[in-house]
Structure formats: C-alpha cells, structure tokens
Amino acid sequence: MTGRVAALWRHPIKSHGREPLDRVTLTAGQTMPWDRRWAVAHELAKADNSAWSPCAEFSRGAKAASLMAIDAQSDPQAGVVTLSHPDRPDLTFDPDGQAQAFLDWVRPLMPVNRAQSTRLVRVPDRGMTDTDYPSISLLNLASNDAMTDAMDQDISPLRWRGNIHLSGLPAWAEFDWVGHTLRIGEAEVQVREPIKRCMATTANPATGQRDADTLGTLNTRFGHQNFGVYAEVMKSGDIATGDTIEVLT
C-alpha cells in the first residue's frame, strides 16, 4: 500500500481561511508552520496569548458557517495575511498589529445571535490546533470519495480543514494507523487519534452555506463521527506534493 501527498494546506488564522502549499518543512514537536498561528477569541472567551485554549474559546465554522468560505494567503516574511470571501472585499493586514481591521472585516460574516469576535490571540511557538498537543491533520481522499458516494453530492475535502491530503489509499485506511509511525517525504509522524467532526463540515467551503449532513452520514452510514486523523511530528523534514507515505512501525 503506497499513498502519496495529494495536497498541502495550512490555516493561518484558525477557522478563518485556508492556504494551499506546494511544500513545507515540518519540525518535531511543532504544528505546520503558520498553521493556526492566530485564533479569534469571542466576547465570552478567556483565551489569551499565554497558553493553548480549546476550540470553544474561539469563533469558528461550527457556529458561523460563513467563515468556511474564507481563503487565505500569507507572507511570513512580511508578516501579513490576505483574506478573501465571496461576500467581502479582500483584506491584507498584519494580525499582530492590525487586529481591528480584521475584526471590522469579519463582523458582517458573524451571526448576530452568536458571541462576537473581539480579539486575535497567538501563543508563542505553536499553532492553536484543536488538540492540546501540537498536531498535524491527515485526510484520506478515498474516504472523502466514500462520503461523496454515500451522500450523492460532491463533498469537497476542504470541508475537513486538514493539513495533508493523501491519495492512493483504501477508504478509511487511516484509522488503522492510530499508534503507528508514518514517513511522509523526509518527515516522520506518529498518528495519535481520529478526528471527531463538528458542524463546520456541514458548510460548503465555496459558499459558506450549510448544505450537507456530513455528521448524520458519518454516524448512520459508517458508524462513527470521525474523519481524518491527528498526528504528531516526531522527525523533522521536508514534505511536498507527490511525496510518498510509508507505514514504518
């Protein structure tokens, strides 16, 4: 069984945009560089820049479907991020120094009956992943195809907000990797656990509208609410689209 890296994605601001990559350097014990580097705390949150916080502290697609239609482009050297959305003008800003510009931009996308976004937070040296350890998420495109077939509608893999999309594998093979170490390109990762999915995946990443019962399909057709797996980087190295994946142990 030989799989390959079909696509690489990162999400500079948690739940607020995705960015395609051709290659990336993974570092042991860290998240993908500039993935979930910032997160958007809402008015009821206690999250700050001192420590990791769980996803409930942040504005996200599970509560605000429109956020799922944001695209991102980052420039790490300049320290800026450009956000695009079908219902908003493009915005280029420095998240560390121009947070108000972002808050003004995103406000029309937030439901009025939800806690509103109030600030950007960033924890030094790690992304604000949903896990309390620095994680990389792996998605099997064959499993996504199985969802498309089961739902009789096109299910974009972008609904799952993963980092590494893999092709050439049997559907759901990724769940057999839990506890095992994989080599992807030059890097090695240990698969920790399946990813339990939330309402964010019911929204179309092109429109930001809820249009697919992904959670119901996972539960009724496949007997679980999981899609993809979380992994931890154990050995640093470069990975690129087209690289192979190998189960080591």
Protein backbone atom coordinates (compact mmCIF):
# COMPACT_ATOMS: atom_id res chain seq x y z
CA MET A 1 0.00 0.00 0.00
CA THR A 2 1.65 3.22 -1.19
CA GLY A 3 -0.01 6.56 -0.76
CA ARG A 4 1.07 9.96 -1.92
CA VAL A 5 0.70 13.54 -0.78
CA ALA A 6 -2.02 15.00 -3.00
CA ALA A 7 -2.20 18.46 -1.41
CA LEU A 8 -0.88 20.51 1.49
CA TRP A 9 -2.95 23.12 3.32
CA ARG A 10 -2.48 25.44 6.24
CA HIS A 11 -4.87 27.79 8.00
CA PRO A 12 -3.01 30.91 9.21
CA ILE A 13 -5.98 32.11 11.30
CA LYS A 14 -7.93 29.30 12.94
CA SER A 15 -11.29 28.80 11.17
CA HIS A 16 -10.70 31.91 9.04
CA GLY A 17 -9.23 30.78 5.74
CA ARG A 18 -7.18 28.04 4.10
CA GLU A 19 -4.00 28.32 2.05
CA PRO A 20 -2.54 25.75 -0.39
CA LEU A 21 1.18 24.92 -0.30
CA ASP A 22 3.48 23.04 -2.65
CA ARG A 23 5.97 22.06 0.05
CA VAL A 24 6.63 22.67 3.73
CA THR A 25 9.21 21.86 6.38
CA LEU A 26 7.82 20.06 9.43
CA THR A 27 9.62 20.33 12.76
CA ALA A 28 9.47 17.70 15.50
CA GLY A 29 7.05 18.64 18.26
CA GLN A 30 5.52 21.54 16.35
CA THR A 31 2.49 22.25 14.20
CA MET A 32 2.80 23.02 10.50
CA PRO A 33 4.49 26.44 10.18
CA TRP A 34 1.92 29.25 10.22
CA ASP A 35 -0.96 26.81 10.68
CA ARG A 36 -3.48 28.17 13.22
CA ARG A 37 -0.83 30.74 14.14
CA TRP A 38 -3.63 33.02 15.29
CA ALA A 39 -7.09 32.29 16.65
CA VAL A 40 -10.07 34.61 17.02
CA ALA A 41 -11.37 34.84 20.58
CA HIS A 42 -15.01 35.79 21.06
CA GLU A 43 -16.52 38.10 23.65
CA LEU A 44 -17.23 35.30 26.17
CA ALA A 45 -13.76 33.74 25.91
CA LYS A 46 -10.96 33.83 28.45
CA ALA A 47 -8.26 32.86 25.93
CA ASP A 48 -5.13 34.98 25.74
CA ASN A 49 -1.55 34.76 24.48
CA SER A 50 -0.27 32.81 27.47
CA ALA A 51 -1.34 29.24 26.71
CA TRP A 52 -3.25 26.87 24.44
CA SER A 53 -7.05 27.11 24.70
CA PRO A 54 -9.78 24.72 23.47
CA CYS A 55 -11.80 25.48 20.34
CA ALA A 56 -14.88 26.60 22.30
CA GLU A 57 -12.98 29.79 23.15
CA PHE A 58 -12.87 30.87 19.51
CA SER A 59 -15.07 31.98 16.62
CA ARG A 60 -15.28 29.06 14.20
CA GLY A 61 -17.21 27.47 11.39
CA ALA A 62 -19.22 25.23 13.72
CA LYS A 63 -21.07 28.35 14.94
CA ALA A 64 -20.62 30.71 11.96
CA ALA A 65 -20.94 28.83 8.68
CA SER A 66 -19.91 31.81 6.54
CA LEU A 67 -16.36 31.56 7.88
CA MET A 68 -15.93 28.32 5.94
CA ALA A 69 -15.81 30.25 2.64
CA ILE A 70 -12.68 32.25 3.53
CA ASP A 71 -9.48 31.75 1.55
CA ALA A 72 -6.11 32.93 2.83
CA GLN A 73 -2.70 33.82 1.51
CA SER A 74 0.12 34.52 3.93
CA ASP A 75 3.51 36.21 3.58
CA PRO A 76 5.61 35.08 6.56
CA GLN A 77 8.49 37.42 5.67
CA ALA A 78 6.26 40.47 5.62
CA GLY A 79 4.12 39.16 8.49
CA VAL A 80 0.85 39.76 6.66
CA VAL A 81 -2.18 37.67 5.71
CA THR A 82 -4.62 38.31 2.86
CA LEU A 83 -8.18 37.05 3.32
CA SER A 84 -10.81 36.58 0.59
CA HIS A 85 -14.51 35.78 0.82
CA PRO A 86 -17.25 35.82 -1.85
CA ASP A 87 -19.23 38.40 0.17
CA ARG A 88 -16.34 40.64 1.31
CA PRO A 89 -13.56 42.68 -0.32
CA ASP A 90 -10.07 41.26 0.05
CA LEU A 91 -8.19 42.30 3.17
CA THR A 92 -4.40 42.33 3.63
CA PHE A 93 -3.29 43.03 7.19
CA ASP A 94 -0.78 42.28 9.95
CA PRO A 95 -2.60 40.13 12.54
CA ASP A 96 -0.19 41.21 15.26
CA GLY A 97 -0.62 44.93 14.64
CA GLN A 98 -3.85 45.49 12.74
CA ALA A 99 -6.38 43.30 14.53
CA GLN A 100 -9.11 45.94 14.37
CA ALA A 101 -9.02 45.95 10.58
CA PHE A 102 -9.66 42.21 10.67
CA LEU A 103 -12.45 42.46 13.25
CA ASP A 104 -14.21 45.09 11.14
CA TRP A 105 -13.81 42.90 8.04
CA VAL A 106 -15.18 39.71 9.62
CA ARG A 107 -18.07 41.27 11.55
CA PRO A 108 -20.60 41.04 8.66
CA LEU A 109 -19.89 37.30 8.41
CA MET A 110 -20.77 36.60 12.03
CA PRO A 111 -24.35 35.65 13.05
CA VAL A 112 -25.88 38.33 15.25
CA ASN A 113 -27.12 35.72 17.73
CA ARG A 114 -23.62 34.37 18.41
CA ALA A 115 -20.83 35.70 20.63
CA GLN A 116 -18.96 38.24 18.53
CA SER A 117 -15.26 38.17 17.70
CA THR A 118 -13.24 40.56 19.87
CA ARG A 119 -9.51 39.85 19.53
CA LEU A 120 -6.77 37.80 17.92
CA VAL A 121 -4.59 35.62 20.14
CA ARG A 122 -1.29 33.92 19.38
CA VAL A 123 0.63 31.51 21.58
CA PRO A 124 4.41 31.59 21.03
CA ASP A 125 5.96 28.59 19.26
CA ARG A 126 2.80 26.61 18.42
CA GLY A 127 -0.39 26.80 16.42
CA MET A 128 -3.80 26.87 18.12
CA THR A 129 -4.85 23.39 16.94
CA ASP A 130 -7.96 21.70 18.36
CA THR A 131 -5.69 19.29 20.24
CA ASP A 132 -3.82 20.19 23.42
CA TYR A 133 -0.66 18.90 21.75
CA PRO A 134 0.82 20.36 18.52
CA SER A 135 -0.84 18.31 15.79
CA ILE A 136 -0.86 17.81 12.03
CA SER A 137 -4.07 16.52 10.44
CA LEU A 138 -4.08 13.86 7.71
CA LEU A 139 -7.02 13.29 5.34
CA ASN A 140 -7.54 10.31 3.06
CA LEU A 141 -9.13 11.41 -0.22
CA ALA A 142 -10.57 7.92 -0.77
CA SER A 143 -12.57 8.36 2.45
CA ASN A 144 -13.79 11.68 1.09
CA ASP A 145 -14.87 9.88 -2.09
CA ALA A 146 -16.78 7.41 0.08
CA MET A 147 -18.63 10.33 1.66
CA THR A 148 -19.42 11.79 -1.77
CA ASP A 149 -20.85 8.43 -2.88
CA ALA A 150 -22.84 7.94 0.33
CA MET A 151 -24.35 11.42 0.19
CA ASP A 152 -24.89 11.50 -3.58
CA GLN A 153 -23.44 15.02 -3.72
CA ASP A 154 -19.99 16.48 -4.18
CA ILE A 155 -18.21 16.73 -0.85
CA SER A 156 -15.15 18.95 -1.09
CA PRO A 157 -12.20 17.76 1.01
CA LEU A 158 -11.82 21.40 2.08
CA ARG A 159 -14.79 20.88 4.42
CA TRP A 160 -12.45 18.93 6.73
CA ARG A 161 -9.79 21.70 7.09
CA GLY A 162 -6.89 19.25 7.03
CA ASN A 163 -3.17 19.80 6.53
CA ILE A 164 -2.11 16.83 4.40
CA HIS A 165 -4.39 15.25 1.79
CA LEU A 166 -3.38 11.71 0.79
CA SER A 167 -4.26 9.73 -2.33
CA GLY A 168 -3.75 6.14 -3.49
CA LEU A 169 -5.07 4.50 -0.29
CA PRO A 170 -8.17 2.43 0.53
CA ALA A 171 -11.05 4.33 2.10
CA TRP A 172 -10.81 4.60 5.90
CA ALA A 173 -7.31 3.02 5.97
CA GLU A 174 -6.15 5.99 8.06
CA PHE A 175 -7.94 4.71 11.15
CA ASP A 176 -5.67 1.65 11.16
CA TRP A 177 -2.66 3.97 11.56
CA VAL A 178 -3.51 5.11 15.10
CA GLY A 179 -0.48 4.34 17.27
CA HIS A 180 1.78 3.86 14.23
CA THR A 181 4.60 5.97 12.79
CA LEU A 182 4.49 7.14 9.18
CA ARG A 183 7.19 8.53 6.93
CA ILE A 184 5.88 11.30 4.70
CA GLY A 185 8.57 12.71 2.45
CA GLU A 186 11.54 13.31 4.76
CA ALA A 187 9.45 13.74 7.91
CA GLU A 188 8.08 11.16 10.33
CA VAL A 189 4.81 11.49 12.21
CA GLN A 190 3.05 9.37 14.81
CA VAL A 191 -0.69 9.04 14.36
CA ARG A 192 -2.41 9.82 17.67
CA GLU A 193 -6.18 9.65 17.22
CA PRO A 194 -9.14 10.01 14.85
CA ILE A 195 -10.65 13.46 14.39
CA LYS A 196 -14.21 13.72 15.70
CA ARG A 197 -16.08 16.11 13.44
CA CYS A 198 -18.32 19.11 14.18
CA MET A 199 -20.95 21.23 12.44
CA ALA A 200 -18.32 23.18 10.49
CA THR A 201 -18.18 20.34 7.97
CA THR A 202 -21.84 20.83 7.04
CA ALA A 203 -20.99 24.16 5.37
CA ASN A 204 -19.93 24.45 1.74
CA PRO A 205 -16.39 25.89 1.53
CA ALA A 206 -17.27 27.74 -1.68
CA THR A 207 -20.38 29.50 -0.35
CA GLY A 208 -20.30 29.33 3.44
CA GLN A 209 -23.84 27.89 3.43
CA ARG A 210 -24.83 24.71 5.29
CA ASP A 211 -25.83 22.22 2.60
CA ALA A 212 -24.69 18.72 3.61
CA ASP A 213 -25.49 16.44 6.55
CA THR A 214 -21.92 15.21 6.95
CA LEU A 215 -22.33 14.31 10.61
CA GLY A 216 -25.53 12.35 10.05
CA THR A 217 -23.95 10.44 7.18
CA LEU A 218 -20.84 9.57 9.18
CA ASN A 219 -22.96 8.28 12.05
CA THR A 220 -25.63 6.40 10.12
CA ARG A 221 -23.62 5.05 7.18
CA PHE A 222 -20.21 4.49 8.78
CA GLY A 223 -20.96 4.12 12.49
CA HIS A 224 -18.78 6.96 13.76
CA GLN A 225 -18.38 10.74 13.57
CA ASN A 226 -14.69 10.70 12.64
CA PHE A 227 -12.91 11.90 9.53
CA GLY A 228 -9.13 12.06 9.23
CA VAL A 229 -6.53 11.58 11.94
CA TYR A 230 -4.33 13.76 14.12
CA ALA A 231 -0.60 13.08 14.08
CA GLU A 232 2.42 14.48 15.90
CA VAL A 233 5.68 15.26 14.12
CA MET A 234 8.42 13.02 15.51
CA LYS A 235 11.21 13.68 12.99
CA SER A 236 11.77 16.96 11.18
CA GLY A 237 11.88 17.04 7.41
CA ASP A 238 10.56 18.47 4.17
CA ILE A 239 7.39 17.22 2.53
CA ALA A 240 5.97 18.16 -0.85
CA THR A 241 3.05 17.25 -3.06
CA GLY A 242 3.81 13.95 -4.80
CA ASP A 243 5.87 12.57 -1.90
CA THR A 244 5.13 9.00 -0.78
CA ILE A 245 3.78 7.87 2.56
CA GLU A 246 5.04 4.72 4.26
CA VAL A 247 3.96 2.99 7.49
CA LEU A 248 7.17 2.38 9.48
CA THR A 249 6.01 0.81 12.74
